[in-house]
C-alpha atoms as a PDB file:
ATOM      1  CA  MET A   1    -108.286 130.408 -13.469  1.00  0.00           C
ATOM      2  CA  GLN A   2    -110.411 129.649 -10.082  1.00  0.00           C
ATOM      3  CA  THR A   3    -112.742 132.782  -7.777  1.00  0.00           C
ATOM      4  CA  TYR A   4    -112.375 134.079  -4.183  1.00  0.00           C
ATOM      5  CA  ARG A   5    -115.909 135.332  -3.023  1.00  0.00           C
ATOM      6  CA  ILE A   6    -115.808 138.898  -2.187  1.00  0.00           C
ATOM      7  CA  ALA A   7    -117.132 138.654   2.151  1.00  0.00           C
ATOM      8  CA  HIS A   8    -120.271 141.551   2.330  1.00  0.00           C
ATOM      9  CA  ALA A   9    -120.154 142.389  -1.772  1.00  0.00           C
ATOM     10  CA  GLY A  10    -121.690 139.393  -3.160  1.00  0.00           C
ATOM     11  CA  LEU A  11    -118.818 139.536  -6.103  1.00  0.00           C
ATOM     12  CA  ASP A  12    -116.103 136.593  -7.479  1.00  0.00           C
ATOM     13  CA  VAL A  13    -113.186 137.520  -8.275  1.00  0.00           C
ATOM     14  CA  SER A  14    -110.433 136.163  -9.749  1.00  0.00           C
ATOM     15  CA  ARG A  15    -107.927 134.149  -7.378  1.00  0.00           C
ATOM     16  CA  ILE A  16    -105.600 136.378  -9.143  1.00  0.00           C
ATOM     17  CA  ALA A  17    -105.559 139.812 -10.423  1.00  0.00           C
ATOM     18  CA  TYR A  18    -103.542 143.240 -12.796  1.00  0.00           C
ATOM     19  CA  GLY A  19    -102.533 146.079 -11.766  1.00  0.00           C
ATOM     20  CA  CYS A  20    -102.223 148.957 -13.587  1.00  0.00           C
ATOM     21  CA  MET A  21     -99.894 150.913 -12.442  1.00  0.00           C
ATOM     22  CA  GLN A  22     -96.788 149.865 -15.074  1.00  0.00           C
ATOM     23  CA  LEU A  23     -98.703 150.438 -18.429  1.00  0.00           C
ATOM     24  CA  SER A  24     -97.123 153.837 -18.124  1.00  0.00           C
ATOM     25  CA  SER A  25     -94.036 154.946 -17.073  1.00  0.00           C
ATOM     26  CA  ASP A  26     -94.310 158.712 -17.194  1.00  0.00           C
ATOM     27  CA  TRP A  27     -95.562 160.330 -14.705  1.00  0.00           C
ATOM     28  CA  ASP A  28     -93.927 163.928 -16.922  1.00  0.00           C
ATOM     29  CA  GLY A  29     -97.722 164.411 -18.360  1.00  0.00           C
ATOM     30  CA  GLN A  30     -96.459 163.557 -22.228  1.00  0.00           C
ATOM     31  CA  PRO A  31     -99.036 162.738 -25.034  1.00  0.00           C
ATOM     32  CA  ILE A  32     -99.984 159.727 -24.736  1.00  0.00           C
ATOM     33  CA  ASN A  33     -97.926 157.440 -27.493  1.00  0.00           C
ATOM     34  CA  ALA A  34     -98.313 154.481 -29.429  1.00  0.00           C
ATOM     35  CA  THR A  35     -96.667 152.081 -27.678  1.00  0.00           C
ATOM     36  CA  GLU A  36     -98.324 152.825 -24.812  1.00  0.00           C
ATOM     37  CA  ARG A  37    -101.928 152.172 -26.743  1.00  0.00           C
ATOM     38  CA  LEU A  38    -100.515 149.295 -27.643  1.00  0.00           C
ATOM     39  CA  ARG A  39     -98.820 147.449 -24.156  1.00  0.00           C
ATOM     40  CA  THR A  40    -102.128 148.457 -22.187  1.00  0.00           C
ATOM     41  CA  ALA A  41    -104.106 146.111 -24.775  1.00  0.00           C
ATOM     42  CA  GLU A  42    -101.799 143.560 -25.351  1.00  0.00           C
ATOM     43  CA  MET A  43    -101.971 142.947 -21.312  1.00  0.00           C
ATOM     44  CA  VAL A  44    -105.553 143.815 -21.179  1.00  0.00           C
ATOM     45  CA  GLU A  45    -105.879 140.796 -23.507  1.00  0.00           C
ATOM     46  CA  ALA A  46    -103.572 138.854 -21.762  1.00  0.00           C
ATOM     47  CA  ALA A  47    -104.851 139.071 -18.399  1.00  0.00           C
ATOM     48  CA  ILE A  48    -108.774 138.300 -19.505  1.00  0.00           C
ATOM     49  CA  GLY A  49    -107.088 135.137 -21.595  1.00  0.00           C
ATOM     50  CA  ASN A  50    -105.790 134.185 -18.285  1.00  0.00           C
ATOM     51  CA  GLY A  51    -109.226 133.695 -16.434  1.00  0.00           C
ATOM     52  CA  ILE A  52    -108.544 137.513 -14.501  1.00  0.00           C
ATOM     53  CA  THR A  53    -111.479 139.363 -13.945  1.00  0.00           C
ATOM     54  CA  LEU A  54    -110.655 142.335 -11.499  1.00  0.00           C
ATOM     55  CA  PHE A  55    -108.250 145.358 -13.036  1.00  0.00           C
ATOM     56  CA  ASP A  56    -106.373 147.761 -10.567  1.00  0.00           C
ATOM     57  CA  HIS A  57    -105.126 151.158 -10.957  1.00  0.00           C
ATOM     58  CA  ALA A  58    -104.646 154.198  -8.818  1.00  0.00           C
ATOM     59  CA  ASP A  59    -105.347 158.207  -9.586  1.00  0.00           C
ATOM     60  CA  ILE A  60    -102.145 158.917  -9.283  1.00  0.00           C
ATOM     61  CA  TYR A  61    -100.511 156.329 -11.391  1.00  0.00           C
ATOM     62  CA  ALA A  62     -98.199 158.214 -13.862  1.00  0.00           C
ATOM     63  CA  SER A  63    -100.454 161.097 -12.732  1.00  0.00           C
ATOM     64  CA  GLY A  64    -103.201 159.655 -14.539  1.00  0.00           C
ATOM     65  CA  LYS A  65    -102.291 158.216 -17.614  1.00  0.00           C
ATOM     66  CA  CYS A  66    -102.632 154.720 -16.719  1.00  0.00           C
ATOM     67  CA  GLU A  67    -106.540 155.030 -16.330  1.00  0.00           C
ATOM     68  CA  ARG A  68    -106.984 157.298 -19.616  1.00  0.00           C
ATOM     69  CA  LEU A  69    -104.562 154.994 -21.721  1.00  0.00           C
ATOM     70  CA  PHE A  70    -106.961 152.128 -20.325  1.00  0.00           C
ATOM     71  CA  GLY A  71    -110.241 153.740 -20.242  1.00  0.00           C
ATOM     72  CA  ASP A  72    -109.236 155.082 -24.199  1.00  0.00           C
ATOM     73  CA  LEU A  73    -109.121 150.749 -24.671  1.00  0.00           C
ATOM     74  CA  LEU A  74    -112.133 150.357 -23.415  1.00  0.00           C
ATOM     75  CA  LYS A  75    -114.056 153.423 -25.889  1.00  0.00           C
ATOM     76  CA  GLN A  76    -112.469 151.614 -28.562  1.00  0.00           C
ATOM     77  CA  ARG A  77    -113.625 148.135 -27.115  1.00  0.00           C
ATOM     78  CA  PRO A  78    -116.889 148.803 -24.987  1.00  0.00           C
ATOM     79  CA  SER A  79    -117.756 145.017 -24.037  1.00  0.00           C
ATOM     80  CA  LEU A  80    -114.232 144.620 -21.990  1.00  0.00           C
ATOM     81  CA  ARG A  81    -116.467 146.188 -19.434  1.00  0.00           C
ATOM     82  CA  GLN A  82    -118.566 143.743 -18.774  1.00  0.00           C
ATOM     83  CA  GLN A  83    -115.893 141.318 -18.331  1.00  0.00           C
ATOM     84  CA  MET A  84    -113.507 143.165 -15.562  1.00  0.00           C
ATOM     85  CA  LEU A  85    -114.270 144.730 -12.772  1.00  0.00           C
ATOM     86  CA  LEU A  86    -112.001 147.543 -11.632  1.00  0.00           C
ATOM     87  CA  GLN A  87    -110.892 148.641  -9.247  1.00  0.00           C
ATOM     88  CA  SER A  88    -109.361 152.116  -8.325  1.00  0.00           C
ATOM     89  CA  LYS A  89    -107.689 154.217  -5.614  1.00  0.00           C
ATOM     90  CA  CYS A  90    -107.310 157.773  -4.465  1.00  0.00           C
ATOM     91  CA  GLY A  91    -105.889 159.933  -1.310  1.00  0.00           C
ATOM     92  CA  ILE A  92    -102.556 160.333  -2.147  1.00  0.00           C
ATOM     93  CA  ARG A  93    -102.137 164.160  -3.277  1.00  0.00           C
ATOM     94  CA  LEU A  94     -98.540 164.693  -5.336  1.00  0.00           C
ATOM     95  CA  ALA A  95     -96.248 167.395  -4.689  1.00  0.00           C
ATOM     96  CA  GLY A  96     -96.799 170.498  -5.851  1.00  0.00           C
ATOM     97  CA  GLU A  97    -100.567 170.076  -6.832  1.00  0.00           C
ATOM     98  CA  PRO A  98    -102.440 172.153  -6.593  1.00  0.00           C
ATOM     99  CA  ASP A  99     -99.984 174.939  -5.463  1.00  0.00           C
ATOM    100  CA  GLN A 100     -96.038 174.693  -6.663  1.00  0.00           C
ATOM    101  CA  GLY A 101     -95.388 174.319  -2.558  1.00  0.00           C
ATOM    102  CA  SER A 102     -97.881 171.728  -1.208  1.00  0.00           C
ATOM    103  CA  PRO A 103     -95.804 168.577   0.013  1.00  0.00           C
ATOM    104  CA  GLN A 104     -96.784 164.999  -0.935  1.00  0.00           C
ATOM    105  CA  ARG A 105     -99.813 164.126   1.161  1.00  0.00           C
ATOM    106  CA  TYR A 106    -102.582 161.847   2.033  1.00  0.00           C
ATOM    107  CA  ASP A 107    -106.013 163.671   1.982  1.00  0.00           C
ATOM    108  CA  PHE A 108    -109.186 161.905   3.314  1.00  0.00           C
ATOM    109  CA  SER A 109    -111.099 164.918   3.198  1.00  0.00           C
ATOM    110  CA  HIS A 110    -114.996 164.564   2.221  1.00  0.00           C
ATOM    111  CA  ASP A 111    -114.273 167.199  -1.333  1.00  0.00           C
ATOM    112  CA  HIS A 112    -111.051 165.539  -2.024  1.00  0.00           C
ATOM    113  CA  LEU A 113    -112.743 161.984  -1.969  1.00  0.00           C
ATOM    114  CA  LEU A 114    -115.405 163.099  -4.263  1.00  0.00           C
ATOM    115  CA  SER A 115    -113.349 165.053  -6.479  1.00  0.00           C
ATOM    116  CA  SER A 116    -111.324 162.648  -7.068  1.00  0.00           C
ATOM    117  CA  VAL A 117    -113.790 159.757  -8.049  1.00  0.00           C
ATOM    118  CA  GLU A 118    -114.783 161.811 -10.385  1.00  0.00           C
ATOM    119  CA  GLY A 119    -112.107 162.268 -11.913  1.00  0.00           C
ATOM    120  CA  ILE A 120    -111.646 158.042 -12.132  1.00  0.00           C
ATOM    121  CA  LEU A 121    -114.442 157.701 -13.635  1.00  0.00           C
ATOM    122  CA  GLN A 122    -113.989 159.904 -16.539  1.00  0.00           C
ATOM    123  CA  ARG A 123    -110.077 158.554 -17.086  1.00  0.00           C
ATOM    124  CA  LEU A 124    -111.826 155.579 -17.158  1.00  0.00           C
ATOM    125  CA  GLY A 125    -114.737 156.387 -19.243  1.00  0.00           C
ATOM    126  CA  THR A 126    -117.244 154.467 -16.838  1.00  0.00           C
ATOM    127  CA  ASP A 127    -120.418 155.058 -14.828  1.00  0.00           C
ATOM    128  CA  HIS A 128    -119.801 153.719 -11.742  1.00  0.00           C
ATOM    129  CA  LEU A 129    -116.381 151.418 -10.144  1.00  0.00           C
ATOM    130  CA  ASP A 130    -116.900 148.299  -8.901  1.00  0.00           C
ATOM    131  CA  ILE A 131    -114.573 148.764  -5.965  1.00  0.00           C
ATOM    132  CA  LEU A 132    -112.780 152.092  -4.261  1.00  0.00           C
ATOM    133  CA  LEU A 133    -109.740 151.736  -2.002  1.00  0.00           C
ATOM    134  CA  LEU A 134    -108.651 154.267   0.391  1.00  0.00           C
ATOM    135  CA  HIS A 135    -104.280 154.354  -0.870  1.00  0.00           C
ATOM    136  CA  ARG A 136    -103.113 154.811   2.165  1.00  0.00           C
ATOM    137  CA  PRO A 137    -103.890 155.759   6.136  1.00  0.00           C
ATOM    138  CA  ASP A 138    -104.127 159.816   6.101  1.00  0.00           C
ATOM    139  CA  ALA A 139    -103.228 160.422   9.832  1.00  0.00           C
ATOM    140  CA  LEU A 140    -105.592 164.231   9.838  1.00  0.00           C
ATOM    141  CA  VAL A 141    -108.477 161.230   8.876  1.00  0.00           C
ATOM    142  CA  GLN A 142    -112.460 161.935  10.393  1.00  0.00           C
ATOM    143  CA  PRO A 143    -114.035 159.302   9.558  1.00  0.00           C
ATOM    144  CA  GLU A 144    -117.860 161.065   9.079  1.00  0.00           C
ATOM    145  CA  GLU A 145    -115.981 162.474   6.130  1.00  0.00           C
ATOM    146  CA  VAL A 146    -115.068 159.225   4.293  1.00  0.00           C
ATOM    147  CA  ALA A 147    -118.594 158.250   5.390  1.00  0.00           C
ATOM    148  CA  ARG A 148    -120.535 161.015   4.177  1.00  0.00           C
ATOM    149  CA  ALA A 149    -118.385 160.722   0.963  1.00  0.00           C
ATOM    150  CA  PHE A 150    -119.201 156.899   1.062  1.00  0.00           C
ATOM    151  CA  ASP A 151    -122.628 157.269   1.191  1.00  0.00           C
ATOM    152  CA  SER A 152    -123.286 160.120  -1.288  1.00  0.00           C
ATOM    153  CA  MET A 153    -120.813 157.767  -3.325  1.00  0.00           C
ATOM    154  CA  GLN A 154    -123.256 154.620  -3.149  1.00  0.00           C
ATOM    155  CA  ARG A 155    -126.565 157.017  -3.459  1.00  0.00           C
ATOM    156  CA  SER A 156    -125.199 157.536  -6.908  1.00  0.00           C
ATOM    157  CA  GLY A 157    -124.480 154.145  -7.983  1.00  0.00           C
ATOM    158  CA  LYS A 158    -120.810 155.619  -8.922  1.00  0.00           C
ATOM    159  CA  VAL A 159    -119.123 153.268  -6.715  1.00  0.00           C
ATOM    160  CA  ARG A 160    -120.834 150.199  -5.309  1.00  0.00           C
ATOM    161  CA  HIS A 161    -118.023 148.766  -2.697  1.00  0.00           C
ATOM    162  CA  PHE A 162    -114.942 150.173  -0.652  1.00  0.00           C
ATOM    163  CA  GLY A 163    -112.049 149.281   1.098  1.00  0.00           C
ATOM    164  CA  VAL A 164    -108.956 150.478   2.027  1.00  0.00           C
ATOM    165  CA  SER A 165    -104.996 149.974   1.258  1.00  0.00           C
ATOM    166  CA  ASN A 166    -101.968 149.695   3.383  1.00  0.00           C
ATOM    167  CA  HIS A 167    -103.808 150.420   6.447  1.00  0.00           C
ATOM    168  CA  ASN A 168    -103.859 148.631   9.671  1.00  0.00           C
ATOM    169  CA  GLY A 169    -106.349 146.398  11.629  1.00  0.00           C
ATOM    170  CA  SER A 170    -106.978 149.579  13.171  1.00  0.00           C
ATOM    171  CA  GLN A 171    -107.076 152.089  11.448  1.00  0.00           C
ATOM    172  CA  ILE A 172    -109.381 150.001   9.859  1.00  0.00           C
ATOM    173  CA  ALA A 173    -111.595 149.598  12.676  1.00  0.00           C
ATOM    174  CA  LEU A 174    -111.799 152.988  13.337  1.00  0.00           C
ATOM    175  CA  LEU A 175    -112.854 153.526  10.307  1.00  0.00           C
ATOM    176  CA  GLN A 176    -115.456 150.762  10.082  1.00  0.00           C
ATOM    177  CA  ALA A 177    -116.918 152.093  13.682  1.00  0.00           C
ATOM    178  CA  CYS A 178    -118.465 154.918  11.414  1.00  0.00           C
ATOM    179  CA  LEU A 179    -119.260 153.535   8.313  1.00  0.00           C
ATOM    180  CA  ASP A 180    -123.216 152.394   6.832  1.00  0.00           C
ATOM    181  CA  VAL A 181    -121.365 150.278   4.241  1.00  0.00           C
ATOM    182  CA  PRO A 182    -118.172 147.418   4.910  1.00  0.00           C
ATOM    183  CA  LEU A 183    -114.885 147.661   3.566  1.00  0.00           C
ATOM    184  CA  VAL A 184    -114.470 144.604   1.525  1.00  0.00           C
ATOM    185  CA  VAL A 185    -110.774 144.794   0.165  1.00  0.00           C
ATOM    186  CA  ASN A 186    -107.103 145.464   1.787  1.00  0.00           C
ATOM    187  CA  GLN A 187    -104.837 145.657  -0.385  1.00  0.00           C
ATOM    188  CA  VAL A 188    -100.312 145.736   1.518  1.00  0.00           C
ATOM    189  CA  GLU A 189     -97.453 144.699   0.258  1.00  0.00           C
ATOM    190  CA  LEU A 190     -96.986 141.509   0.643  1.00  0.00           C
ATOM    191  CA  ASN A 191     -94.707 138.979  -1.025  1.00  0.00           C
ATOM    192  CA  LEU A 192     -91.362 136.361   0.479  1.00  0.00           C
ATOM    193  CA  LEU A 193     -89.402 139.571   0.821  1.00  0.00           C
ATOM    194  CA  HIS A 194     -91.855 141.855   2.685  1.00  0.00           C
ATOM    195  CA  HIS A 195     -93.434 138.537   4.926  1.00  0.00           C
ATOM    196  CA  HIS A 196     -94.053 140.650   7.421  1.00  0.00           C
ATOM    197  CA  LEU A 197     -97.627 140.504   8.120  1.00  0.00           C
ATOM    198  CA  ILE A 198     -97.739 136.382   7.855  1.00  0.00           C
ATOM    199  CA  SER A 199     -94.534 136.779  10.147  1.00  0.00           C
ATOM    200  CA  GLU A 200     -95.945 138.492  12.792  1.00  0.00           C
ATOM    201  CA  GLY A 201     -98.127 136.083  13.987  1.00  0.00           C
ATOM    202  CA  VAL A 202     -95.184 133.094  14.323  1.00  0.00           C
ATOM    203  CA  LEU A 203     -92.738 135.714  15.483  1.00  0.00           C
ATOM    204  CA  ALA A 204     -95.005 136.841  18.955  1.00  0.00           C
ATOM    205  CA  ASN A 205     -93.215 136.797  21.769  1.00  0.00           C
ATOM    206  CA  GLN A 206     -89.701 136.172  19.613  1.00  0.00           C
ATOM    207  CA  LEU A 207     -86.988 138.904  20.906  1.00  0.00           C
ATOM    208  CA  GLU A 208     -87.297 139.094  16.090  1.00  0.00           C
ATOM    209  CA  GLY A 209     -90.367 139.587  16.622  1.00  0.00           C
ATOM    210  CA  ALA A 210     -91.439 143.293  16.285  1.00  0.00           C
ATOM    211  CA  TYR A 211     -91.974 143.711  12.960  1.00  0.00           C
ATOM    212  CA  CYS A 212     -93.639 146.523  10.891  1.00  0.00           C
ATOM    213  CA  ALA A 213     -96.364 147.172  13.270  1.00  0.00           C
ATOM    214  CA  ALA A 214     -98.411 145.062  11.480  1.00  0.00           C
ATOM    215  CA  ALA A 215    -101.313 144.975  15.137  1.00  0.00           C
ATOM    216  CA  ALA A 216    -102.402 141.196  13.580  1.00  0.00           C
ATOM    217  CA  THR A 217    -103.670 143.132  10.103  1.00  0.00           C
ATOM    218  CA  LEU A 218    -103.433 139.603   8.116  1.00  0.00           C
ATOM    219  CA  ASP A 219    -105.938 137.948  11.346  1.00  0.00           C
ATOM    220  CA  TYR A 220    -107.823 141.594  11.613  1.00  0.00           C
ATOM    221  CA  CYS A 221    -108.924 140.916   8.033  1.00  0.00           C
ATOM    222  CA  ARG A 222    -109.386 137.285   8.436  1.00  0.00           C
ATOM    223  CA  GLN A 223    -111.614 137.783  11.117  1.00  0.00           C
ATOM    224  CA  HIS A 224    -114.356 140.286   9.425  1.00  0.00           C
ATOM    225  CA  ASP A 225    -113.871 138.757   5.799  1.00  0.00           C
ATOM    226  CA  ILE A 226    -112.074 141.703   3.758  1.00  0.00           C
ATOM    227  CA  LEU A 227    -110.080 140.165   1.063  1.00  0.00           C
ATOM    228  CA  LEU A 228    -106.094 140.869   1.420  1.00  0.00           C
ATOM    229  CA  GLN A 229    -105.040 141.875  -1.799  1.00  0.00           C
ATOM    230  CA  ALA A 230    -101.183 141.236  -2.499  1.00  0.00           C
ATOM    231  CA  TRP A 231     -99.206 144.379  -4.737  1.00  0.00           C
ATOM    232  CA  SER A 232     -95.641 143.881  -5.375  1.00  0.00           C
ATOM    233  CA  PRO A 233     -95.999 140.109  -4.971  1.00  0.00           C
ATOM    234  CA  LEU A 234     -93.254 139.125  -7.158  1.00  0.00           C
ATOM    235  CA  ALA A 235     -91.191 141.267  -5.191  1.00  0.00           C
ATOM    236  CA  SER A 236     -90.160 143.763  -7.995  1.00  0.00           C
ATOM    237  CA  GLY A 237     -88.423 141.071  -9.718  1.00  0.00           C
ATOM    238  CA  ARG A 238     -85.444 140.823  -7.497  1.00  0.00           C
ATOM    239  CA  LEU A 239     -85.742 136.413  -6.936  1.00  0.00           C
ATOM    240  CA  ARG A 240     -85.478 135.669 -10.845  1.00  0.00           C
ATOM    241  CA  LYS A 241     -81.589 135.419 -10.255  1.00  0.00           C
ATOM    242  CA  SER A 242     -79.975 133.857  -7.667  1.00  0.00           C
ATOM    243  CA  THR A 243     -76.189 135.974  -8.577  1.00  0.00           C
ATOM    244  CA  ASP A 244     -77.777 138.480  -6.302  1.00  0.00           C
ATOM    245  CA  PRO A 245     -75.230 140.568  -4.796  1.00  0.00           C
ATOM    246  CA  GLU A 246     -76.702 139.913  -1.189  1.00  0.00           C
ATOM    247  CA  PRO A 247     -76.171 136.164  -0.049  1.00  0.00           C
ATOM    248  CA  ALA A 248     -79.766 136.159   1.608  1.00  0.00           C
ATOM    249  CA  LEU A 249     -81.270 136.929  -1.768  1.00  0.00           C
ATOM    250  CA  ARG A 250     -78.974 134.142  -3.153  1.00  0.00           C
ATOM    251  CA  GLY A 251     -80.227 131.286  -1.216  1.00  0.00           C
ATOM    252  CA  LEU A 252     -83.830 132.483  -1.459  1.00  0.00           C
ATOM    253  CA  ALA A 253     -83.746 133.169  -5.153  1.00  0.00           C
ATOM    254  CA  ARG A 254     -81.819 129.491  -5.710  1.00  0.00           C
ATOM    255  CA  CYS A 255     -84.591 127.381  -3.270  1.00  0.00           C
ATOM    256  CA  VAL A 256     -87.256 128.940  -5.520  1.00  0.00           C
ATOM    257  CA  GLU A 257     -85.546 127.890  -8.625  1.00  0.00           C
ATOM    258  CA  GLN A 258     -85.283 124.165  -7.525  1.00  0.00           C
ATOM    259  CA  LEU A 259     -88.967 124.220  -6.332  1.00  0.00           C
ATOM    260  CA  ALA A 260     -89.791 125.300  -9.884  1.00  0.00           C
ATOM    261  CA  ARG A 261     -87.583 122.527 -11.134  1.00  0.00           C
ATOM    262  CA  GLU A 262     -89.268 120.205  -8.677  1.00  0.00           C
ATOM    263  CA  LEU A 263     -92.943 121.120  -9.346  1.00  0.00           C
ATOM    264  CA  GLN A 264     -91.723 121.363 -13.155  1.00  0.00           C
ATOM    265  CA  VAL A 265     -93.745 125.313 -13.348  1.00  0.00           C
ATOM    266  CA  SER A 266     -92.141 128.569 -13.438  1.00  0.00           C
ATOM    267  CA  GLU A 267     -90.464 130.095 -10.671  1.00  0.00           C
ATOM    268  CA  GLU A 268     -93.337 132.905 -10.883  1.00  0.00           C
ATOM    269  CA  ALA A 269     -95.351 130.118 -10.536  1.00  0.00           C
ATOM    270  CA  VAL A 270     -93.759 129.444  -6.941  1.00  0.00           C
ATOM    271  CA  LEU A 271     -94.001 132.768  -5.299  1.00  0.00           C
ATOM    272  CA  ILE A 272     -96.769 134.011  -6.397  1.00  0.00           C
ATOM    273  CA  ALA A 273     -98.520 130.127  -5.185  1.00  0.00           C
ATOM    274  CA  TRP A 274     -96.900 131.327  -1.650  1.00  0.00           C
ATOM    275  CA  LEU A 275     -99.362 133.996  -1.313  1.00  0.00           C
ATOM    276  CA  LEU A 276    -102.123 131.379  -2.602  1.00  0.00           C
ATOM    277  CA  ARG A 277    -101.183 128.851  -0.268  1.00  0.00           C
ATOM    278  CA  HIS A 278    -102.074 131.034   2.468  1.00  0.00           C
ATOM    279  CA  PRO A 279    -106.065 130.292   4.017  1.00  0.00           C
ATOM    280  CA  ALA A 280    -106.591 134.501   4.164  1.00  0.00           C
ATOM    281  CA  GLY A 281    -107.147 133.794   0.607  1.00  0.00           C
ATOM    282  CA  ILE A 282    -104.555 136.524  -0.516  1.00  0.00           C
ATOM    283  CA  GLN A 283    -104.565 138.090  -4.413  1.00  0.00           C
ATOM    284  CA  PRO A 284    -101.973 138.643  -5.401  1.00  0.00           C
ATOM    285  CA  VAL A 285    -101.639 141.376  -8.036  1.00  0.00           C
ATOM    286  CA  ILE A 286     -99.516 141.437 -10.476  1.00  0.00           C
ATOM    287  CA  GLY A 287     -98.180 144.658 -12.031  1.00  0.00           C
ATOM    288  CA  THR A 288     -96.107 142.960 -14.754  1.00  0.00           C
ATOM    289  CA  THR A 289     -95.864 144.147 -18.244  1.00  0.00           C
ATOM    290  CA  SER A 290     -94.437 140.802 -19.989  1.00  0.00           C
ATOM    291  CA  ALA A 291     -97.449 138.799 -21.248  1.00  0.00           C
ATOM    292  CA  ALA A 292     -95.189 136.054 -20.761  1.00  0.00           C
ATOM    293  CA  ARG A 293     -94.410 136.176 -17.335  1.00  0.00           C
ATOM    294  CA  LEU A 294     -98.295 137.051 -16.466  1.00  0.00           C
ATOM    295  CA  SER A 295     -99.250 133.856 -18.308  1.00  0.00           C
ATOM    296  CA  ALA A 296     -95.902 132.125 -16.017  1.00  0.00           C
ATOM    297  CA  SER A 297     -97.514 134.105 -12.757  1.00  0.00           C
ATOM    298  CA  CYS A 298    -101.138 132.995 -13.596  1.00  0.00           C
ATOM    299  CA  ALA A 299     -99.792 129.223 -13.124  1.00  0.00           C
ATOM    300  CA  ALA A 300     -99.728 129.786 -10.210  1.00  0.00           C
ATOM    301  CA  ASP A 301    -102.892 128.820  -9.669  1.00  0.00           C
ATOM    302  CA  ALA A 302    -103.070 125.160 -10.796  1.00  0.00           C
ATOM    303  CA  VAL A 303    -100.067 124.553  -7.761  1.00  0.00           C
ATOM    304  CA  GLU A 304    -100.630 123.637  -4.153  1.00  0.00           C
ATOM    305  CA  LEU A 305     -97.458 124.054  -2.040  1.00  0.00           C
ATOM    306  CA  SER A 306     -97.532 121.402   0.281  1.00  0.00           C
ATOM    307  CA  ARG A 307     -97.214 122.295   4.329  1.00  0.00           C
ATOM    308  CA  GLU A 308     -93.345 121.876   3.631  1.00  0.00           C
ATOM    309  CA  HIS A 309     -92.785 123.129   0.986  1.00  0.00           C
ATOM    310  CA  TRP A 310     -94.624 126.813   1.832  1.00  0.00           C
ATOM    311  CA  TYR A 311     -92.206 126.402   5.327  1.00  0.00           C
ATOM    312  CA  GLN A 312     -88.811 126.085   2.898  1.00  0.00           C
ATOM    313  CA  LEU A 313     -89.514 129.000   1.124  1.00  0.00           C
ATOM    314  CA  ARG A 314     -90.747 130.997   4.270  1.00  0.00           C
ATOM    315  CA  GLU A 315     -87.285 129.465   6.185  1.00  0.00           C
ATOM    316  CA  ALA A 316     -85.120 130.642   3.022  1.00  0.00           C
ATOM    317  CA  ALA A 317     -86.724 134.337   2.992  1.00  0.00           C
ATOM    318  CA  ARG A 318     -85.680 135.003   6.603  1.00  0.00           C
ATOM    319  CA  GLY A 319     -82.330 132.830   6.479  1.00  0.00           C
ATOM    320  CA  VAL A 320     -83.540 131.107   9.960  1.00  0.00           C
ATOM    321  CA  ARG A 321     -86.169 128.477  10.836  1.00  0.00           C
ATOM    322  CA  VAL A 322     -89.164 129.263  12.427  1.00  0.00           C
ATOM    323  CA  PRO A 323     -88.654 129.587  16.398  1.00  0.00           C
END
């Protein structure tokens, strides 16, 4: 698989990453079972077999169980750690933690960030993370606290590089102004159904152009050499069938089907290739638990859509021509 160079980090990563959120669907603290262990081993092997080198986690995924599953596999097969870059996210605190009446919230406080990383490393069974992301913007963030936590993590060798997730350009700039280390990744939701970060630039100054307060996030990341990662790049499977009850989705699904036939690739490859075609250098994070679907998606690495095909898909996604 082709690679991206993460600027300011000196890391080469596969153009496609694997997201580990679905390794377990249990958020209630049930013991790890044999099915989950087999699924984890199968998907890690499939990812490596397809050339994937970056594996994405978060401390909240299945309440930490996904990291524990992954860590158990690394304990059984420690040589795997040398074949991968490990990334995790923190900053979301679930409802009922630590007290029953606590609401779900975000927490970028110094102490919480440090304790979160300790938990992540313990569950993954590794002595360091290659990249740590702040999961969602904390409205009460004090950038100086984040800077102090990042400095401690890096000096101790527990985290090599840092980034964010679901942040816009101005939020990144606010943090970066206080940091001594560069933010190297921003992971955002991005796919043919959730294309707002891309469409914002085309629809500027149009009546329909107000898109989710995107705040030129894509351009900001390109300008500052921040790798954009796309979570849910396959739109949670919503485009796999042209029989969807929503007319707009049916039309887009038909367009994807027709283009897949024309290019003689899978529909998954078309969806992923649409993201890879963008000059920002977007890294799709694929979270499927089907090894076959993962391989079908990774085939996009060999597909380069023409400008005409790219805009054809975007037009089908929006249901109208470009202005």
